[in-house]
Amino acid sequence: MIDDVFDLVFLDAANKTYEQLFQLAREKLEPGALVIADDVVLHGDTLQSYVEARQSDPTLLSTTLPLDRGLELSVVLR
């Protein structure tokens, strides 16, 4: 319901909703925006498809940082 764009999105909700939350935010992300998803290593079994989708998306540059419970950083390229 927010009419503005996002520069930063931090996903740290129920792991099974990350993909849905990303899709809701995606249309409001301009080039240069950053999406950070938490717990991608800790909950790798649940979040592997989320990570693979971000890393295979040609409109994003994504990498997994194995800090603490794992972060997936995704920068919007276009």
PDB file of N, CA and C in Angstrom:
ATOM      1  N   MET A   1       0.801  -1.206   0.000  1.00  0.00           N
ATOM      2  CA  MET A   1       0.000   0.000   0.000  1.00  0.00           C
ATOM      3  C   MET A   1       0.844   1.272   0.000  1.00  0.00           C
ATOM      4  N   ILE A   2       2.174   1.153   0.083  1.00  0.00           N
ATOM      5  CA  ILE A   2       3.052   2.318   0.093  1.00  0.00           C
ATOM      6  C   ILE A   2       3.264   2.774  -1.350  1.00  0.00           C
ATOM      7  N   ASP A   3       3.096   4.058  -1.596  1.00  0.00           N
ATOM      8  CA  ASP A   3       3.201   4.592  -2.952  1.00  0.00           C
ATOM      9  C   ASP A   3       4.606   5.050  -3.321  1.00  0.00           C
ATOM     10  N   ASP A   4       5.556   4.913  -2.440  1.00  0.00           N
ATOM     11  CA  ASP A   4       6.918   5.365  -2.686  1.00  0.00           C
ATOM     12  C   ASP A   4       7.802   4.180  -3.076  1.00  0.00           C
ATOM     13  N   VAL A   5       9.063   4.452  -3.388  1.00  0.00           N
ATOM     14  CA  VAL A   5      10.022   3.394  -3.717  1.00  0.00           C
ATOM     15  C   VAL A   5      10.853   3.071  -2.481  1.00  0.00           C
ATOM     16  N   PHE A   6      11.492   1.898  -2.507  1.00  0.00           N
ATOM     17  CA  PHE A   6      12.343   1.465  -1.411  1.00  0.00           C
ATOM     18  C   PHE A   6      13.798   1.488  -1.843  1.00  0.00           C
ATOM     19  N   ASP A   7      14.671   1.980  -0.974  1.00  0.00           N
ATOM     20  CA  ASP A   7      16.109   1.924  -1.193  1.00  0.00           C
ATOM     21  C   ASP A   7      16.705   0.698  -0.516  1.00  0.00           C
ATOM     22  N   LEU A   8      16.049   0.251   0.553  1.00  0.00           N
ATOM     23  CA  LEU A   8      16.534  -0.874   1.337  1.00  0.00           C
ATOM     24  C   LEU A   8      15.348  -1.673   1.850  1.00  0.00           C
ATOM     25  N   VAL A   9      15.444  -2.996   1.680  1.00  0.00           N
ATOM     26  CA  VAL A   9      14.436  -3.907   2.224  1.00  0.00           C
ATOM     27  C   VAL A   9      15.179  -4.961   3.028  1.00  0.00           C
ATOM     28  N   PHE A  10      14.746  -5.181   4.263  1.00  0.00           N
ATOM     29  CA  PHE A  10      15.347  -6.199   5.120  1.00  0.00           C
ATOM     30  C   PHE A  10      14.299  -7.259   5.408  1.00  0.00           C
ATOM     31  N   LEU A  11      14.558  -8.487   4.947  1.00  0.00           N
ATOM     32  CA  LEU A  11      13.635  -9.600   5.162  1.00  0.00           C
ATOM     33  C   LEU A  11      14.092 -10.402   6.372  1.00  0.00           C
ATOM     34  N   ASP A  12      13.281 -10.403   7.403  1.00  0.00           N
ATOM     35  CA  ASP A  12      13.577 -11.156   8.611  1.00  0.00           C
ATOM     36  C   ASP A  12      12.253 -11.570   9.244  1.00  0.00           C
ATOM     37  N   ALA A  13      11.384 -12.113   8.407  1.00  0.00           N
ATOM     38  CA  ALA A  13      10.062 -12.550   8.856  1.00  0.00           C
ATOM     39  C   ALA A  13      10.027 -14.073   8.786  1.00  0.00           C
ATOM     40  N   ALA A  14       8.850 -14.629   8.726  1.00  0.00           N
ATOM     41  CA  ALA A  14       8.719 -16.076   8.560  1.00  0.00           C
ATOM     42  C   ALA A  14       9.418 -16.479   7.260  1.00  0.00           C
ATOM     43  N   ASN A  15      10.369 -17.393   7.364  1.00  0.00           N
ATOM     44  CA  ASN A  15      11.218 -17.752   6.223  1.00  0.00           C
ATOM     45  C   ASN A  15      10.435 -18.170   4.992  1.00  0.00           C
ATOM     46  N   LYS A  16       9.337 -18.832   5.185  1.00  0.00           N
ATOM     47  CA  LYS A  16       8.547 -19.324   4.049  1.00  0.00           C
ATOM     48  C   LYS A  16       7.894 -18.200   3.256  1.00  0.00           C
ATOM     49  N   THR A  17       7.905 -16.982   3.784  1.00  0.00           N
ATOM     50  CA  THR A  17       7.269 -15.862   3.092  1.00  0.00           C
ATOM     51  C   THR A  17       8.265 -14.965   2.353  1.00  0.00           C
ATOM     52  N   TYR A  18       9.558 -15.287   2.419  1.00  0.00           N
ATOM     53  CA  TYR A  18      10.564 -14.414   1.788  1.00  0.00           C
ATOM     54  C   TYR A  18      10.278 -14.175   0.311  1.00  0.00           C
ATOM     55  N   GLU A  19       9.970 -15.220  -0.425  1.00  0.00           N
ATOM     56  CA  GLU A  19       9.729 -15.056  -1.868  1.00  0.00           C
ATOM     57  C   GLU A  19       8.531 -14.149  -2.108  1.00  0.00           C
ATOM     58  N   GLN A  20       7.469 -14.367  -1.389  1.00  0.00           N
ATOM     59  CA  GLN A  20       6.278 -13.537  -1.536  1.00  0.00           C
ATOM     60  C   GLN A  20       6.581 -12.089  -1.158  1.00  0.00           C
ATOM     61  N   LEU A  21       7.291 -11.887  -0.069  1.00  0.00           N
ATOM     62  CA  LEU A  21       7.637 -10.525   0.352  1.00  0.00           C
ATOM     63  C   LEU A  21       8.542  -9.843  -0.672  1.00  0.00           C
ATOM     64  N   PHE A  22       9.509 -10.600  -1.218  1.00  0.00           N
ATOM     65  CA  PHE A  22      10.385 -10.028  -2.241  1.00  0.00           C
ATOM     66  C   PHE A  22       9.565  -9.585  -3.451  1.00  0.00           C
ATOM     67  N   GLN A  23       8.650 -10.424  -3.899  1.00  0.00           N
ATOM     68  CA  GLN A  23       7.841 -10.088  -5.072  1.00  0.00           C
ATOM     69  C   GLN A  23       6.977  -8.855  -4.821  1.00  0.00           C
ATOM     70  N   LEU A  24       6.464  -8.714  -3.619  1.00  0.00           N
ATOM     71  CA  LEU A  24       5.668  -7.521  -3.287  1.00  0.00           C
ATOM     72  C   LEU A  24       6.519  -6.251  -3.324  1.00  0.00           C
ATOM     73  N   ALA A  25       7.756  -6.361  -2.866  1.00  0.00           N
ATOM     74  CA  ALA A  25       8.640  -5.191  -2.830  1.00  0.00           C
ATOM     75  C   ALA A  25       9.289  -4.914  -4.181  1.00  0.00           C
ATOM     76  N   ARG A  26       9.455  -5.928  -5.019  1.00  0.00           N
ATOM     77  CA  ARG A  26      10.260  -5.809  -6.251  1.00  0.00           C
ATOM     78  C   ARG A  26       9.831  -4.667  -7.148  1.00  0.00           C
ATOM     79  N   GLU A  27       8.542  -4.462  -7.310  1.00  0.00           N
ATOM     80  CA  GLU A  27       8.070  -3.394  -8.206  1.00  0.00           C
ATOM     81  C   GLU A  27       8.391  -1.999  -7.671  1.00  0.00           C
ATOM     82  N   LYS A  28       8.756  -1.912  -6.411  1.00  0.00           N
ATOM     83  CA  LYS A  28       9.090  -0.625  -5.805  1.00  0.00           C
ATOM     84  C   LYS A  28      10.592  -0.440  -5.610  1.00  0.00           C
ATOM     85  N   LEU A  29      11.387  -1.342  -6.189  1.00  0.00           N
ATOM     86  CA  LEU A  29      12.842  -1.274  -6.061  1.00  0.00           C
ATOM     87  C   LEU A  29      13.443  -0.714  -7.346  1.00  0.00           C
ATOM     88  N   GLU A  30      14.120   0.396  -7.222  1.00  0.00           N
ATOM     89  CA  GLU A  30      14.788   1.004  -8.370  1.00  0.00           C
ATOM     90  C   GLU A  30      16.243   0.546  -8.408  1.00  0.00           C
ATOM     91  N   PRO A  31      16.941   0.754  -9.533  1.00  0.00           N
ATOM     92  CA  PRO A  31      18.364   0.398  -9.596  1.00  0.00           C
ATOM     93  C   PRO A  31      19.143   1.006  -8.443  1.00  0.00           C
ATOM     94  N   GLY A  32      19.973   0.162  -7.837  1.00  0.00           N
ATOM     95  CA  GLY A  32      20.773   0.578  -6.698  1.00  0.00           C
ATOM     96  C   GLY A  32      20.171   0.187  -5.360  1.00  0.00           C
ATOM     97  N   ALA A  33      18.904  -0.208  -5.349  1.00  0.00           N
ATOM     98  CA  ALA A  33      18.265  -0.628  -4.103  1.00  0.00           C
ATOM     99  C   ALA A  33      18.890  -1.937  -3.617  1.00  0.00           C
ATOM    100  N   LEU A  34      18.869  -2.134  -2.308  1.00  0.00           N
ATOM    101  CA  LEU A  34      19.466  -3.304  -1.689  1.00  0.00           C
ATOM    102  C   LEU A  34      18.399  -4.084  -0.933  1.00  0.00           C
ATOM    103  N   VAL A  35      18.389  -5.408  -1.153  1.00  0.00           N
ATOM    104  CA  VAL A  35      17.514  -6.304  -0.397  1.00  0.00           C
ATOM    105  C   VAL A  35      18.420  -7.222   0.418  1.00  0.00           C
ATOM    106  N   ILE A  36      18.178  -7.288   1.713  1.00  0.00           N
ATOM    107  CA  ILE A  36      18.945  -8.153   2.609  1.00  0.00           C
ATOM    108  C   ILE A  36      17.985  -9.180   3.196  1.00  0.00           C
ATOM    109  N   ALA A  37      18.291 -10.446   2.988  1.00  0.00           N
ATOM    110  CA  ALA A  37      17.488 -11.524   3.563  1.00  0.00           C
ATOM    111  C   ALA A  37      18.308 -12.205   4.647  1.00  0.00           C
ATOM    112  N   ASP A  38      17.747 -12.312   5.834  1.00  0.00           N
ATOM    113  CA  ASP A  38      18.435 -12.887   6.986  1.00  0.00           C
ATOM    114  C   ASP A  38      18.180 -14.390   7.081  1.00  0.00           C
ATOM    115  N   ASP A  39      19.094 -15.084   7.737  1.00  0.00           N
ATOM    116  CA  ASP A  39      18.958 -16.507   8.087  1.00  0.00           C
ATOM    117  C   ASP A  39      19.068 -17.470   6.906  1.00  0.00           C
ATOM    118  N   VAL A  40      19.674 -17.055   5.799  1.00  0.00           N
ATOM    119  CA  VAL A  40      19.701 -17.931   4.613  1.00  0.00           C
ATOM    120  C   VAL A  40      20.628 -19.127   4.768  1.00  0.00           C
ATOM    121  N   VAL A  41      21.576 -19.068   5.690  1.00  0.00           N
ATOM    122  CA  VAL A  41      22.426 -20.236   5.965  1.00  0.00           C
ATOM    123  C   VAL A  41      21.764 -21.102   7.034  1.00  0.00           C
ATOM    124  N   LEU A  42      21.311 -20.488   8.100  1.00  0.00           N
ATOM    125  CA  LEU A  42      20.665 -21.211   9.190  1.00  0.00           C
ATOM    126  C   LEU A  42      19.461 -22.010   8.693  1.00  0.00           C
ATOM    127  N   HIS A  43      18.672 -21.416   7.828  1.00  0.00           N
ATOM    128  CA  HIS A  43      17.470 -22.074   7.294  1.00  0.00           C
ATOM    129  C   HIS A  43      17.652 -22.378   5.802  1.00  0.00           C
ATOM    130  N   GLY A  44      18.822 -22.879   5.471  1.00  0.00           N
ATOM    131  CA  GLY A  44      19.145 -23.169   4.073  1.00  0.00           C
ATOM    132  C   GLY A  44      18.167 -24.112   3.407  1.00  0.00           C
ATOM    133  N   ASP A  45      17.631 -25.077   4.155  1.00  0.00           N
ATOM    134  CA  ASP A  45      16.675 -26.013   3.565  1.00  0.00           C
ATOM    135  C   ASP A  45      15.419 -25.292   3.086  1.00  0.00           C
ATOM    136  N   THR A  46      14.968 -24.296   3.822  1.00  0.00           N
ATOM    137  CA  THR A  46      13.769 -23.536   3.475  1.00  0.00           C
ATOM    138  C   THR A  46      14.076 -22.422   2.476  1.00  0.00           C
ATOM    139  N   LEU A  47      15.244 -21.800   2.590  1.00  0.00           N
ATOM    140  CA  LEU A  47      15.539 -20.595   1.811  1.00  0.00           C
ATOM    141  C   LEU A  47      16.429 -20.821   0.587  1.00  0.00           C
ATOM    142  N   GLN A  48      16.811 -22.053   0.311  1.00  0.00           N
ATOM    143  CA  GLN A  48      17.665 -22.326  -0.843  1.00  0.00           C
ATOM    144  C   GLN A  48      17.019 -21.866  -2.151  1.00  0.00           C
ATOM    145  N   SER A  49      15.731 -22.090  -2.313  1.00  0.00           N
ATOM    146  CA  SER A  49      15.070 -21.665  -3.553  1.00  0.00           C
ATOM    147  C   SER A  49      15.038 -20.139  -3.661  1.00  0.00           C
ATOM    148  N   TYR A  50      14.897 -19.446  -2.527  1.00  0.00           N
ATOM    149  CA  TYR A  50      14.948 -17.987  -2.537  1.00  0.00           C
ATOM    150  C   TYR A  50      16.321 -17.521  -3.003  1.00  0.00           C
ATOM    151  N   VAL A  51      17.375 -18.095  -2.433  1.00  0.00           N
ATOM    152  CA  VAL A  51      18.751 -17.735  -2.790  1.00  0.00           C
ATOM    153  C   VAL A  51      19.013 -18.010  -4.267  1.00  0.00           C
ATOM    154  N   GLU A  52      18.634 -19.170  -4.739  1.00  0.00           N
ATOM    155  CA  GLU A  52      18.853 -19.530  -6.152  1.00  0.00           C
ATOM    156  C   GLU A  52      18.111 -18.586  -7.086  1.00  0.00           C
ATOM    157  N   ALA A  53      16.894 -18.206  -6.715  1.00  0.00           N
ATOM    158  CA  ALA A  53      16.115 -17.284  -7.552  1.00  0.00           C
ATOM    159  C   ALA A  53      16.786 -15.921  -7.645  1.00  0.00           C
ATOM    160  N   ARG A  54      17.303 -15.416  -6.526  1.00  0.00           N
ATOM    161  CA  ARG A  54      17.969 -14.107  -6.540  1.00  0.00           C
ATOM    162  C   ARG A  54      19.277 -14.178  -7.330  1.00  0.00           C
ATOM    163  N   GLN A  55      20.051 -15.244  -7.148  1.00  0.00           N
ATOM    164  CA  GLN A  55      21.347 -15.343  -7.811  1.00  0.00           C
ATOM    165  C   GLN A  55      21.229 -15.625  -9.305  1.00  0.00           C
ATOM    166  N   SER A  56      20.109 -16.142  -9.751  1.00  0.00           N
ATOM    167  CA  SER A  56      19.929 -16.412 -11.184  1.00  0.00           C
ATOM    168  C   SER A  56      19.161 -15.299 -11.897  1.00  0.00           C
ATOM    169  N   ASP A  57      18.736 -14.280 -11.171  1.00  0.00           N
ATOM    170  CA  ASP A  57      17.980 -13.167 -11.747  1.00  0.00           C
ATOM    171  C   ASP A  57      18.956 -12.181 -12.392  1.00  0.00           C
ATOM    172  N   PRO A  58      18.877 -11.993 -13.720  1.00  0.00           N
ATOM    173  CA  PRO A  58      19.822 -11.102 -14.392  1.00  0.00           C
ATOM    174  C   PRO A  58      19.629  -9.619 -14.061  1.00  0.00           C
ATOM    175  N   THR A  59      18.545  -9.275 -13.386  1.00  0.00           N
ATOM    176  CA  THR A  59      18.329  -7.871 -13.001  1.00  0.00           C
ATOM    177  C   THR A  59      18.891  -7.562 -11.623  1.00  0.00           C
ATOM    178  N   LEU A  60      19.519  -8.567 -10.995  1.00  0.00           N
ATOM    179  CA  LEU A  60      20.084  -8.408  -9.654  1.00  0.00           C
ATOM    180  C   LEU A  60      21.534  -8.868  -9.629  1.00  0.00           C
ATOM    181  N   LEU A  61      22.266  -8.369  -8.679  1.00  0.00           N
ATOM    182  CA  LEU A  61      23.583  -8.900  -8.329  1.00  0.00           C
ATOM    183  C   LEU A  61      23.443  -9.373  -6.891  1.00  0.00           C
ATOM    184  N   SER A  62      23.540 -10.697  -6.688  1.00  0.00           N
ATOM    185  CA  SER A  62      23.285 -11.272  -5.368  1.00  0.00           C
ATOM    186  C   SER A  62      24.429 -12.160  -4.924  1.00  0.00           C
ATOM    187  N   THR A  63      24.663 -12.141  -3.618  1.00  0.00           N
ATOM    188  CA  THR A  63      25.680 -13.002  -3.029  1.00  0.00           C
ATOM    189  C   THR A  63      25.271 -13.355  -1.608  1.00  0.00           C
ATOM    190  N   THR A  64      25.711 -14.530  -1.185  1.00  0.00           N
ATOM    191  CA  THR A  64      25.448 -14.973   0.182  1.00  0.00           C
ATOM    192  C   THR A  64      26.653 -14.643   1.052  1.00  0.00           C
ATOM    193  N   LEU A  65      26.412 -13.958   2.151  1.00  0.00           N
ATOM    194  CA  LEU A  65      27.453 -13.684   3.143  1.00  0.00           C
ATOM    195  C   LEU A  65      27.232 -14.629   4.313  1.00  0.00           C
ATOM    196  N   PRO A  66      28.201 -15.490   4.612  1.00  0.00           N
ATOM    197  CA  PRO A  66      28.024 -16.452   5.696  1.00  0.00           C
ATOM    198  C   PRO A  66      28.300 -15.853   7.071  1.00  0.00           C
ATOM    199  N   LEU A  67      27.831 -14.661   7.311  1.00  0.00           N
ATOM    200  CA  LEU A  67      27.977 -14.006   8.609  1.00  0.00           C
ATOM    201  C   LEU A  67      26.849 -14.464   9.523  1.00  0.00           C
ATOM    202  N   ASP A  68      27.207 -14.858  10.731  1.00  0.00           N
ATOM    203  CA  ASP A  68      26.235 -15.287  11.734  1.00  0.00           C
ATOM    204  C   ASP A  68      25.321 -16.362  11.138  1.00  0.00           C
ATOM    205  N   ARG A  69      24.071 -16.050  10.897  1.00  0.00           N
ATOM    206  CA  ARG A  69      23.114 -17.039  10.383  1.00  0.00           C
ATOM    207  C   ARG A  69      22.952 -16.959   8.877  1.00  0.00           C
ATOM    208  N   GLY A  70      23.723 -16.094   8.235  1.00  0.00           N
ATOM    209  CA  GLY A  70      23.724 -15.971   6.784  1.00  0.00           C
ATOM    210  C   GLY A  70      22.831 -14.859   6.280  1.00  0.00           C
ATOM    211  N   LEU A  71      23.402 -14.052   5.377  1.00  0.00           N
ATOM    212  CA  LEU A  71      22.665 -12.958   4.741  1.00  0.00           C
ATOM    213  C   LEU A  71      22.758 -13.111   3.230  1.00  0.00           C
ATOM    214  N   GLU A  72      21.660 -12.902   2.546  1.00  0.00           N
ATOM    215  CA  GLU A  72      21.674 -12.822   1.093  1.00  0.00           C
ATOM    216  C   GLU A  72      21.525 -11.355   0.749  1.00  0.00           C
ATOM    217  N   LEU A  73      22.546 -10.799   0.088  1.00  0.00           N
ATOM    218  CA  LEU A  73      22.522  -9.398  -0.343  1.00  0.00           C
ATOM    219  C   LEU A  73      22.201  -9.353  -1.819  1.00  0.00           C
ATOM    220  N   SER A  74      21.202  -8.590  -2.183  1.00  0.00           N
ATOM    221  CA  SER A  74      20.787  -8.470  -3.585  1.00  0.00           C
ATOM    222  C   SER A  74      20.685  -6.991  -3.938  1.00  0.00           C
ATOM    223  N   VAL A  75      21.460  -6.569  -4.928  1.00  0.00           N
ATOM    224  CA  VAL A  75      21.416  -5.193  -5.416  1.00  0.00           C
ATOM    225  C   VAL A  75      20.684  -5.190  -6.752  1.00  0.00           C
ATOM    226  N   VAL A  76      19.759  -4.278  -6.895  1.00  0.00           N
ATOM    227  CA  VAL A  76      18.974  -4.166  -8.134  1.00  0.00           C
ATOM    228  C   VAL A  76      19.812  -3.458  -9.181  1.00  0.00           C
ATOM    229  N   LEU A  77      20.034  -4.132 -10.312  1.00  0.00           N
ATOM    230  CA  LEU A  77      20.803  -3.553 -11.412  1.00  0.00           C
ATOM    231  C   LEU A  77      19.912  -2.812 -12.391  1.00  0.00           C
ATOM    232  N   ARG A  78      18.737  -3.347 -12.636  1.00  0.00           N
ATOM    233  CA  ARG A  78      17.782  -2.723 -13.565  1.00  0.00           C
ATOM    234  C   ARG A  78      16.391  -3.198 -13.268  1.00  0.00           C
TER     235      ARG A  78
END
